[in-house]
Amino acid sequence: MGGELLILIGGSGSGKTTTLRMINRLVDPDDGSVLINGTDCKTVNEIALRKNIGYVIQQIGLFPHMTVRENIGLVPTIEGWSRDQVDERVRSLLTLVHLPPELYMDRYPKELSGGQQQRIGLARALVMDPPLLLMDEPFGALDPLLRQKLQDEFIGIKQNIGKTIVFVTHDINEAFRLGDRIAIMHEGRIVQVGTPRDLILHPADSMVSDLVGSDSVFRHLETLSVSDLSRPLAESSIYPHDALVHEVIRGMKQSGHSIAVVEGGHIPFGVVRLLDLALMTATDVPVSDAATAVLPLDGSDPVLPALQRIREEGCFAGLQMMASRPVALFVPDEVMERIIPGKKPA
């Protein structure tokens, strides 16, 4: 999927790195095909293919006798770029990876820390502006504090560059923090692909459950109830079913609410999202036309069964009720964000 960060994770020998190497034809598959945008990689010249794929490895592979400028600018120089063009691109990429160009362009790899070298490796992989980026455990050799810092920086870089990224890791916490989707590999095959929420709540088998730590992640949730993880609901975010869509949009924007509750109509209570209402072409219709069902919940309901019931009922969220009135929203994506630190809802 374009612009997606797909994580490959699994035990040693599961085929993660081999999969990356097949994508850029360092290894050709014995059987089957690897397609990029519908094109079989085997039909593309290896050199031409690799020019459109960035590759970042754990060992980084900087040339020790070359400066940062020369390491990053090597391929553009080979391609015939002028010195000014190369320097401009190098400066832009160093800024992107949070290294001031005036301080780092003329340094040699031995003068850089491990984290700085890894940033240079990423900049080099991006220098030709490839649409696809392969990353093989790029932060695996770093200490935990530095690894988390680079992960945080990488989240921002990913949003800026808009590339499709295939990222190998053996760290499930890193996978949860960085990945849009995660592919679980075992003995050369993909066992399950899904969002962190999918894998935690609905592991395909016991191997996936053990790998993602479904049981341990939710162990502390056994003592929590729906009210502990619900979003309090302001009275101003509850609208009658016959309110017009444009009125609700205006009210939600003024109050800063992204989700509102609709009372009455074809269902007792429903919810609407501001994003969905803004995409409607007809806004002079009752807001109940756009409302989706919610699952009524009691504040004392356990969290995990509530999440499972919401999914089974096909609802967007749960609505915590008190004396037949809605008092809070229980949104699964927001719950997942709170129990996976640093993870934003998809």
Foldseek 3Di string as FASTA:
>chain_A
DFLFEEEEAEDPQLCQVVVVCCQLVVDPDPDDFDDDVRDGNVVDDSVVSLLQEFEAEQVLDFDQVAFLLCRLQVVVVVVPDDPVVSLVLSCVLCVLLPHHCVVGRGHGPVPDDSLVSLSSSVSSSCSSPHQEYEYEPNLVVDDPVSSVVSLVSVQVSSVVSRHYYYYYDHDLLSCLQRGQKYFYTGNHDTPDIGHLVCLLLPNPDVSSCVSNVNCVLCVVLQPAFLLVQWAWDDPLQEEEQQDWLVVNLVSCVVVVHQKGKYADDPDRIFMDGSVVSVPDPDGRGGPNVRTDDAAEDARRHRDSVLVVVCVVVVHQWHFHDDPNHGTTIGGVQSSVPVSSDNHHRD
